[in-house]
Protein backbone atom coordinates (compact mmCIF):
# COMPACT_ATOMS: atom_id res chain seq x y z
CA MET A 1 0.00 0.00 0.00
CA SER A 2 2.95 2.31 0.14
CA ASN A 3 3.25 4.78 -2.65
CA ASN A 4 5.91 2.98 -4.65
CA SER A 5 5.22 4.51 -8.03
CA SER A 6 4.72 8.09 -6.99
CA PHE A 7 8.44 8.62 -6.82
CA HIS A 8 9.31 7.03 -10.11
CA GLY A 9 9.61 9.23 -13.13
CA SER A 10 10.01 8.72 -16.84
CA TRP A 11 11.64 11.18 -19.22
CA ASP A 12 9.22 9.91 -21.88
CA ASN A 13 6.53 11.96 -20.18
CA TYR A 14 7.89 15.12 -21.77
CA THR A 15 6.22 14.04 -25.06
CA CYS A 16 2.81 13.91 -23.39
CA PRO A 17 0.67 17.06 -23.58
CA ALA A 18 0.04 18.79 -20.27
CA SER A 19 -3.52 19.50 -19.18
CA VAL A 20 -4.19 22.80 -17.45
CA GLY A 21 -7.65 21.63 -16.45
CA GLY A 22 -6.26 18.44 -14.96
CA ALA A 23 -3.63 20.34 -12.99
CA THR A 24 -6.27 22.72 -11.65
CA PHE A 25 -8.49 19.84 -10.61
CA LEU A 26 -5.61 18.15 -8.78
CA ILE A 27 -4.76 21.33 -6.90
CA VAL A 28 -8.36 21.88 -5.82
CA ALA A 29 -9.00 18.23 -4.95
CA TYR A 30 -5.79 17.72 -2.97
CA SER A 31 -6.30 21.05 -1.19
CA ALA A 32 -9.84 20.06 -0.18
CA VAL A 33 -8.73 16.63 1.06
CA THR A 34 -5.85 18.17 3.00
CA ALA A 35 -8.05 20.82 4.62
CA VAL A 36 -10.84 18.42 5.64
CA GLY A 37 -8.46 15.70 6.79
CA LEU A 38 -6.19 18.04 8.74
CA LEU A 39 -8.81 20.19 10.46
CA GLY A 40 -11.16 17.28 11.13
CA ASN A 41 -8.57 14.99 12.63
CA VAL A 42 -6.97 17.75 14.68
CA GLY A 43 -10.44 18.45 16.10
CA LEU A 44 -10.91 14.80 17.03
CA VAL A 45 -7.56 14.55 18.78
CA PHE A 46 -8.17 17.85 20.58
CA ILE A 47 -11.55 16.79 21.95
CA ILE A 48 -10.36 13.35 23.06
CA GLY A 49 -7.22 14.79 24.63
CA ARG A 50 -9.08 17.58 26.43
CA GLN A 51 -11.66 15.35 28.11
CA LYS A 52 -10.14 12.90 30.61
CA GLU A 53 -13.35 10.87 30.62
CA LEU A 54 -12.81 10.07 26.94
CA ARG A 55 -9.36 8.56 27.41
CA ASN A 56 -10.48 4.95 27.25
CA VAL A 57 -8.95 2.21 25.15
CA THR A 58 -11.10 2.76 22.09
CA ASN A 59 -10.77 6.51 21.97
CA ILE A 60 -7.00 6.32 22.45
CA LEU A 61 -6.80 4.06 19.41
CA ILE A 62 -9.14 6.38 17.52
CA ALA A 63 -6.91 9.34 18.35
CA ASN A 64 -3.96 7.30 17.10
CA LEU A 65 -5.75 6.81 13.78
CA SER A 66 -6.29 10.55 13.54
CA CYS A 67 -2.62 11.24 14.32
CA SER A 68 -1.53 9.01 11.44
CA ASP A 69 -3.96 10.84 9.13
CA ILE A 70 -2.63 14.22 10.31
CA LEU A 71 0.90 13.09 9.48
CA MET A 72 -0.25 12.08 6.01
CA CYS A 73 -1.97 15.44 5.43
CA VAL A 74 1.00 17.50 6.62
CA VAL A 75 3.80 15.67 4.79
CA CYS A 76 2.60 13.45 1.97
CA LEU A 77 -0.26 15.30 0.29
CA PRO A 78 1.53 18.61 -0.34
CA VAL A 79 4.68 16.86 -1.56
CA THR A 80 2.77 14.56 -3.90
CA ILE A 81 0.88 17.36 -5.60
CA ILE A 82 4.08 19.43 -6.04
CA TYR A 83 5.94 16.49 -7.56
CA THR A 84 3.07 15.49 -9.83
CA LEU A 85 2.51 18.99 -11.18
CA MET A 86 6.19 19.89 -11.68
CA ASP A 87 7.17 16.47 -13.08
CA GLN A 88 10.54 16.74 -11.34
CA TRP A 89 11.79 16.68 -7.76
CA VAL A 90 12.64 20.11 -6.34
CA LEU A 91 12.43 19.40 -2.60
CA GLY A 92 15.90 18.01 -1.97
CA GLU A 93 17.29 14.60 -1.11
CA ALA A 94 16.11 14.59 2.50
CA MET A 95 12.45 14.99 1.53
CA CYS A 96 12.94 12.40 -1.22
CA LYS A 97 13.73 9.85 1.48
CA VAL A 98 11.45 11.11 4.24
CA THR A 99 8.21 11.46 2.24
CA PRO A 100 7.76 7.79 1.20
CA PHE A 101 8.99 6.72 4.63
CA VAL A 102 6.34 8.87 6.36
CA GLU A 103 3.59 7.66 4.04
CA CYS A 104 4.45 4.02 4.68
CA VAL A 105 4.57 4.65 8.44
CA SER A 106 1.23 6.46 8.40
CA VAL A 107 -0.56 3.75 6.42
CA THR A 108 0.92 0.99 8.58
CA VAL A 109 -0.11 2.73 11.81
CA SER A 110 -3.63 3.24 10.47
CA VAL A 111 -4.06 -0.39 9.44
CA PHE A 112 -2.59 -1.78 12.65
CA SER A 113 -4.80 0.54 14.71
CA LEU A 114 -7.85 -0.76 12.88
CA VAL A 115 -6.78 -4.27 13.73
CA LEU A 116 -6.35 -3.39 17.42
CA ILE A 117 -9.78 -1.75 17.52
CA ALA A 118 -11.36 -4.79 15.89
CA LEU A 119 -9.63 -7.16 18.31
CA GLU A 120 -10.76 -5.11 21.30
CA ARG A 121 -14.33 -5.06 20.06
CA HIS A 122 -14.15 -8.81 19.41
CA GLN A 123 -12.96 -9.44 22.98
CA LEU A 124 -15.65 -7.27 24.56
CA ILE A 125 -18.53 -8.71 22.54
CA LEU A 126 -17.61 -12.38 22.51
CA HIS A 127 -16.07 -12.50 26.00
CA PRO A 128 -17.89 -9.81 27.99
CA THR A 129 -16.91 -11.25 31.37
CA GLY A 130 -13.32 -12.04 30.44
CA TRP A 131 -10.18 -9.93 30.31
CA SER A 132 -10.53 -6.43 28.90
CA PRO A 133 -7.63 -4.09 28.04
CA ALA A 134 -6.97 -1.01 30.16
CA ALA A 135 -5.92 2.45 28.98
CA SER A 136 -2.30 1.70 29.90
CA HIS A 137 -2.39 -1.30 27.54
CA SER A 138 -3.59 0.91 24.70
CA TYR A 139 -0.72 3.37 25.20
CA LEU A 140 1.71 0.46 25.05
CA ALA A 141 0.02 -0.86 21.91
CA VAL A 142 0.18 2.59 20.27
CA GLY A 143 3.91 2.89 20.99
CA LEU A 144 4.57 -0.61 19.67
CA THR A 145 2.53 0.14 16.54
CA TRP A 146 4.62 3.19 15.69
CA PHE A 147 7.87 1.33 16.37
CA VAL A 148 6.91 -1.57 14.09
CA ALA A 149 5.66 0.82 11.40
CA CYS A 150 8.97 2.73 11.44
CA PHE A 151 10.93 -0.52 11.24
CA ILE A 152 8.88 -1.78 8.29
CA SER A 153 9.34 1.53 6.45
CA LEU A 154 13.15 1.78 6.86
CA PRO A 155 13.96 0.54 3.31
CA PHE A 156 12.50 3.75 1.89
CA LEU A 157 15.17 5.75 3.73
CA SER A 158 17.89 3.59 2.18
CA TYR A 159 16.68 3.01 -1.35
CA ASN A 160 14.95 6.26 -2.32
CA VAL A 161 17.46 8.45 -4.15
CA LEU A 162 17.63 11.56 -6.32
CA THR A 163 18.83 10.89 -9.85
CA ASP A 164 18.96 12.53 -13.28
CA ASP A 165 20.18 9.43 -15.14
CA HIS A 166 16.95 9.13 -17.12
CA PHE A 167 17.48 12.56 -18.68
CA GLN A 168 21.16 12.36 -19.59
CA ASN A 169 20.82 10.04 -22.59
CA ILE A 170 18.10 11.93 -24.48
CA THR A 171 19.28 12.36 -28.04
CA MET A 172 18.23 15.92 -28.89
CA PRO A 173 20.22 18.87 -30.26
CA ALA A 174 19.52 20.73 -27.02
CA ASN A 175 18.47 18.70 -24.02
CA PRO A 176 16.07 20.84 -21.93
CA PHE A 177 15.81 18.09 -19.31
CA ARG A 178 19.51 17.79 -18.49
CA ASP A 179 19.07 19.43 -15.08
CA HIS A 180 15.86 17.58 -14.20
CA THR A 181 15.98 15.22 -11.23
CA ILE A 182 13.51 12.63 -10.06
CA CYS A 183 13.02 10.79 -6.79
CA MET A 184 12.82 7.05 -7.24
CA GLU A 185 13.54 3.74 -5.56
CA LYS A 186 16.90 2.22 -6.43
CA TRP A 187 17.11 -1.34 -5.09
CA PRO A 188 20.11 -3.69 -5.24
CA SER A 189 18.05 -5.88 -7.56
CA ASN A 190 14.56 -6.18 -8.94
CA GLN A 191 14.04 -9.32 -6.86
CA HIS A 192 14.67 -7.37 -3.65
CA ARG A 193 12.17 -4.73 -4.69
CA LEU A 194 9.47 -7.25 -5.58
CA ALA A 195 9.99 -9.17 -2.33
CA TYR A 196 9.59 -6.02 -0.27
CA THR A 197 6.59 -4.57 -2.12
CA THR A 198 4.80 -7.93 -2.13
CA SER A 199 5.40 -8.24 1.61
CA LEU A 200 3.89 -4.79 2.10
CA LEU A 201 0.87 -5.81 0.05
CA LEU A 202 0.28 -8.83 2.29
CA PHE A 203 1.10 -7.43 5.73
CA GLN A 204 -0.06 -3.84 5.19
CA TYR A 205 -3.34 -4.48 3.40
CA CYS A 206 -4.55 -8.01 2.69
CA LEU A 207 -3.90 -9.87 5.96
CA PRO A 208 -4.88 -7.04 8.37
CA LEU A 209 -8.16 -6.35 6.60
CA LEU A 210 -8.88 -10.08 6.43
CA LEU A 211 -8.37 -10.31 10.20
CA VAL A 212 -10.66 -7.33 10.74
CA LEU A 213 -13.27 -8.92 8.51
CA LEU A 214 -13.16 -12.16 10.50
CA CYS A 215 -13.48 -10.28 13.80
CA TYR A 216 -16.55 -8.39 12.73
CA LEU A 217 -18.09 -11.40 11.08
CA ARG A 218 -17.90 -13.25 14.41
CA ILE A 219 -19.33 -10.20 16.19
CA PHE A 220 -22.21 -10.03 13.73
CA LEU A 221 -23.00 -13.73 14.12
CA ARG A 222 -22.89 -13.50 17.93
CA LEU A 223 -25.20 -10.49 18.03
CA ARG A 224 -27.54 -12.14 15.56
CA ARG A 225 -27.85 -15.22 17.76
CA ARG A 226 -28.55 -12.98 20.75
CA ARG A 227 -30.97 -10.69 18.96
CA ASP A 228 -33.84 -11.54 21.30
CA VAL A 229 -31.78 -10.36 24.29
CA VAL A 230 -30.22 -7.41 22.50
CA GLU A 231 -33.55 -5.98 21.40
CA ARG A 232 -34.67 -5.67 25.02
CA SER A 233 -31.90 -3.18 25.76
CA ARG A 234 -31.83 0.29 24.25
CA LYS A 235 -28.15 0.59 25.05
CA ALA A 236 -27.39 -2.71 23.38
CA ARG A 237 -29.34 -1.59 20.30
CA GLY A 238 -27.15 1.50 20.24
CA ALA A 239 -24.06 -0.69 20.41
CA HIS A 240 -25.37 -2.70 17.48
CA ARG A 241 -25.77 0.50 15.45
CA ILE A 242 -22.24 1.51 16.33
CA ASN A 243 -20.94 -1.86 15.18
CA ALA A 244 -22.64 -1.33 11.84
CA MET A 245 -21.24 2.20 11.49
CA LEU A 246 -17.71 1.13 12.32
CA ALA A 247 -17.98 -1.74 9.86
CA VAL A 248 -18.88 0.79 7.17
CA ILE A 249 -15.80 2.83 8.12
CA VAL A 250 -13.59 -0.23 7.61
CA VAL A 251 -15.14 -0.95 4.23
CA VAL A 252 -14.66 2.66 3.12
CA PHE A 253 -11.02 2.59 4.22
CA ALA A 254 -10.38 -0.65 2.31
CA LEU A 255 -12.11 0.66 -0.83
CA CYS A 256 -10.21 3.96 -0.71
CA TRP A 257 -6.86 2.17 -0.72
CA LEU A 258 -7.84 -0.57 -3.18
CA PRO A 259 -7.17 1.39 -6.44
CA LEU A 260 -3.69 2.50 -5.37
CA THR A 261 -2.88 -1.00 -4.13
CA VAL A 262 -3.87 -2.46 -7.51
CA PHE A 263 -1.96 0.26 -9.36
CA ASN A 264 1.23 -0.35 -7.38
CA THR A 265 0.92 -4.11 -7.85
CA ILE A 266 0.62 -3.72 -11.63
CA PHE A 267 3.49 -1.24 -11.64
CA ASP A 268 5.71 -3.65 -9.70
CA TRP A 269 4.96 -6.78 -11.69
CA HIS A 270 4.01 -5.56 -15.17
CA SER A 271 4.70 -1.84 -15.56
CA GLN A 272 4.48 -2.10 -19.37
CA ALA A 273 0.72 -2.55 -18.99
CA LEU A 274 0.42 1.06 -17.83
CA PRO A 275 0.16 3.62 -20.68
CA VAL A 276 3.00 6.15 -20.66
CA CYS A 277 0.98 9.33 -21.10
CA GLN A 278 -1.82 8.19 -18.79
CA HIS A 279 0.54 6.93 -16.07
CA ASP A 280 0.48 10.16 -14.06
CA VAL A 281 -3.26 10.57 -14.52
CA LEU A 282 -3.99 7.04 -13.31
CA PHE A 283 -1.63 7.37 -10.40
CA SER A 284 -3.08 10.74 -9.36
CA ALA A 285 -6.62 9.37 -9.45
CA CYS A 286 -5.65 6.30 -7.40
CA HIS A 287 -3.54 8.30 -4.95
CA LEU A 288 -6.24 10.94 -4.46
CA THR A 289 -8.78 8.20 -3.72
CA ALA A 290 -6.43 6.70 -1.13
CA MET A 291 -5.79 10.08 0.48
CA ALA A 292 -9.54 10.61 0.79
CA SER A 293 -9.42 7.98 3.53
CA THR A 294 -7.93 10.66 5.80
CA CYS A 295 -11.32 12.42 5.71
CA VAL A 296 -13.38 9.38 6.70
CA ASN A 297 -13.07 9.85 10.46
CA PRO A 298 -13.99 13.54 10.63
CA VAL A 299 -16.83 13.15 8.15
CA VAL A 300 -18.37 10.12 9.87
CA TYR A 301 -18.11 11.53 13.36
CA GLY A 302 -18.91 15.06 12.30
CA PHE A 303 -22.13 14.23 10.50
CA LEU A 304 -23.27 10.97 12.10
CA ASN A 305 -22.18 11.35 15.71
CA SER A 306 -24.33 13.86 17.54
CA ASN A 307 -22.15 13.33 20.61
CA PHE A 308 -19.11 14.65 18.76
CA GLN A 309 -21.10 17.55 17.31
CA ARG A 310 -22.22 18.70 20.74
CA GLU A 311 -18.77 18.28 22.22
CA LEU A 312 -17.31 20.37 19.40
CA LYS A 313 -20.01 23.00 19.81
CA THR A 314 -19.25 23.20 23.52
CA GLN A 315 -15.55 23.72 22.86
CA LEU A 316 -16.25 26.41 20.26
CA GLN A 317 -18.51 28.22 22.70
CA ARG A 318 -15.78 28.17 25.31
CA CYS A 319 -13.17 29.43 22.86
CA HIS A 320 -15.17 32.24 21.25
CA CYS A 321 -17.70 33.38 23.79
CA GLY A 322 -16.94 31.70 27.06
CA LEU A 323 -20.69 31.12 27.21
CA GLY A 324 -22.90 28.15 27.64
CA ALA A 325 -22.25 25.39 30.07
CA PRO A 326 -22.12 21.92 28.58
CA GLU A 327 -25.42 20.14 28.49
CA SER A 328 -25.97 16.76 30.06
CA TYR A 329 -26.47 13.84 27.74
CA GLU A 330 -27.13 10.24 28.43
CA SER A 331 -24.40 8.12 26.98
CA PHE A 332 -23.22 4.60 27.40
CA PRO A 333 -19.82 2.93 27.18
CA LEU A 334 -20.18 1.20 23.83
CA SER A 335 -16.71 -0.25 24.02
CA THR A 336 -17.77 -2.23 27.08
CA VAL A 337 -21.12 -3.54 25.88
CA GLY A 338 -21.23 -7.30 25.85
CA SER A 339 -23.17 -9.57 23.53
CA GLU A 340 -25.73 -10.28 26.22
CA GLY A 341 -26.40 -6.62 26.67
CA ILE A 342 -24.48 -6.51 29.98
CA THR A 343 -21.93 -3.76 30.55
CA LYS A 344 -18.81 -4.63 32.48
CA THR A 345 -18.09 -1.05 33.53
CA SER A 346 -20.06 2.12 33.43
CA THR A 347 -18.59 5.50 32.52
CA LEU A 348 -21.29 7.99 31.62
CA ASN A 349 -19.93 11.20 30.15
CA ARG A 350 -21.36 14.69 30.25
CA ALA A 351 -21.46 16.78 27.14
CA GLY A 352 -19.11 14.54 25.27
CA SER A 353 -18.66 11.40 23.33
CA VAL A 354 -18.43 8.11 25.08
CA SER A 355 -16.45 4.96 24.76
CA ALA A 356 -16.37 3.86 21.21
CA VAL A 357 -16.52 0.43 19.80
CA PRO A 358 -13.27 -0.97 18.48
CA LEU A 359 -13.48 -1.13 14.77
CA PRO A 360 -11.40 -0.04 11.87
CA ARG A 361 -11.10 3.51 10.90
CA ALA A 362 -13.24 4.47 13.78
CA GLU A 363 -13.30 7.64 15.75
CA PRO A 364 -14.64 8.91 18.99
CA SER A 365 -17.38 6.60 19.96
CA VAL A 366 -20.95 7.36 19.34
CA SER A 367 -23.59 7.53 21.95
CA THR A 368 -27.30 8.15 21.95
CA TYR A 369 -29.18 10.94 23.64
CA SER A 370 -32.61 10.90 25.04
């Protein structure tokens, strides 16, 4: 899932006509994605960090997801649009190495966080009276996730280099591309590159999402068998709705990254199948779709989670007017709702979101209000 092809260039592209309309669209689209993803995720982290009652296992993992998205918005999106539009690398060797490294780290952290959320939800629903993780465990898991993600991404620091070799052998009376440089991966051998990119495909996309799918399938089957009990509890019905919403978030995340994953796989194994002049267009479309995943959390929790809306409104009132005390809302700890509708712990929050249910690409949990 890492952006392998975004840092490869081809001097053949100079024969392809440039599109002013396409460049304008990319600037507007990337700017919109960056703005929504950055502001939305910063808001989520701010609200979770400000309210001590929200610092439960699920919300800590949700905040971790938002942090990885913020990193993507700050580093990768601006660099990608600059490189795509200029068709050469102008940001120096350090950024050539750091940008793909950061993108790989961010994607890995996001996927692993989704897995942790799904595993926590699986434990709480299928084993409501068994062991449940504490907040200290989630901090440890977050630290381990970032460490593993950095370790997995280290090859990008070693094998991404600046080069102008592709432009030196152009047979033209005057070579206008002699000073052009590109940022690309330069591996010891093609076999090393294929081994690494295929491993990323398996451990950064396919296997994690398969594990998440299995977790939520088991949750769905357990809740379906217990439907008669669940329907007697309003709180349990709310938990069921949250499960469905978080499942949608996982599906959206997987679909957003699917086009770029397919593109990179084709590029790695059969790059000749990609048309020369349409290469950048296809990559930009796939990459933009993948980057849209950074907006999923803010959009879902901004428009579908009334708890988050009211918490945000309360914070804005405090910042701008200093008026309006937070209202009281009835909420329930969704991350601790068991399959039999029994909660293991109870942490009702005032004027804020509640425990969320562990699921991929989730955000501050959702609660219901009477």
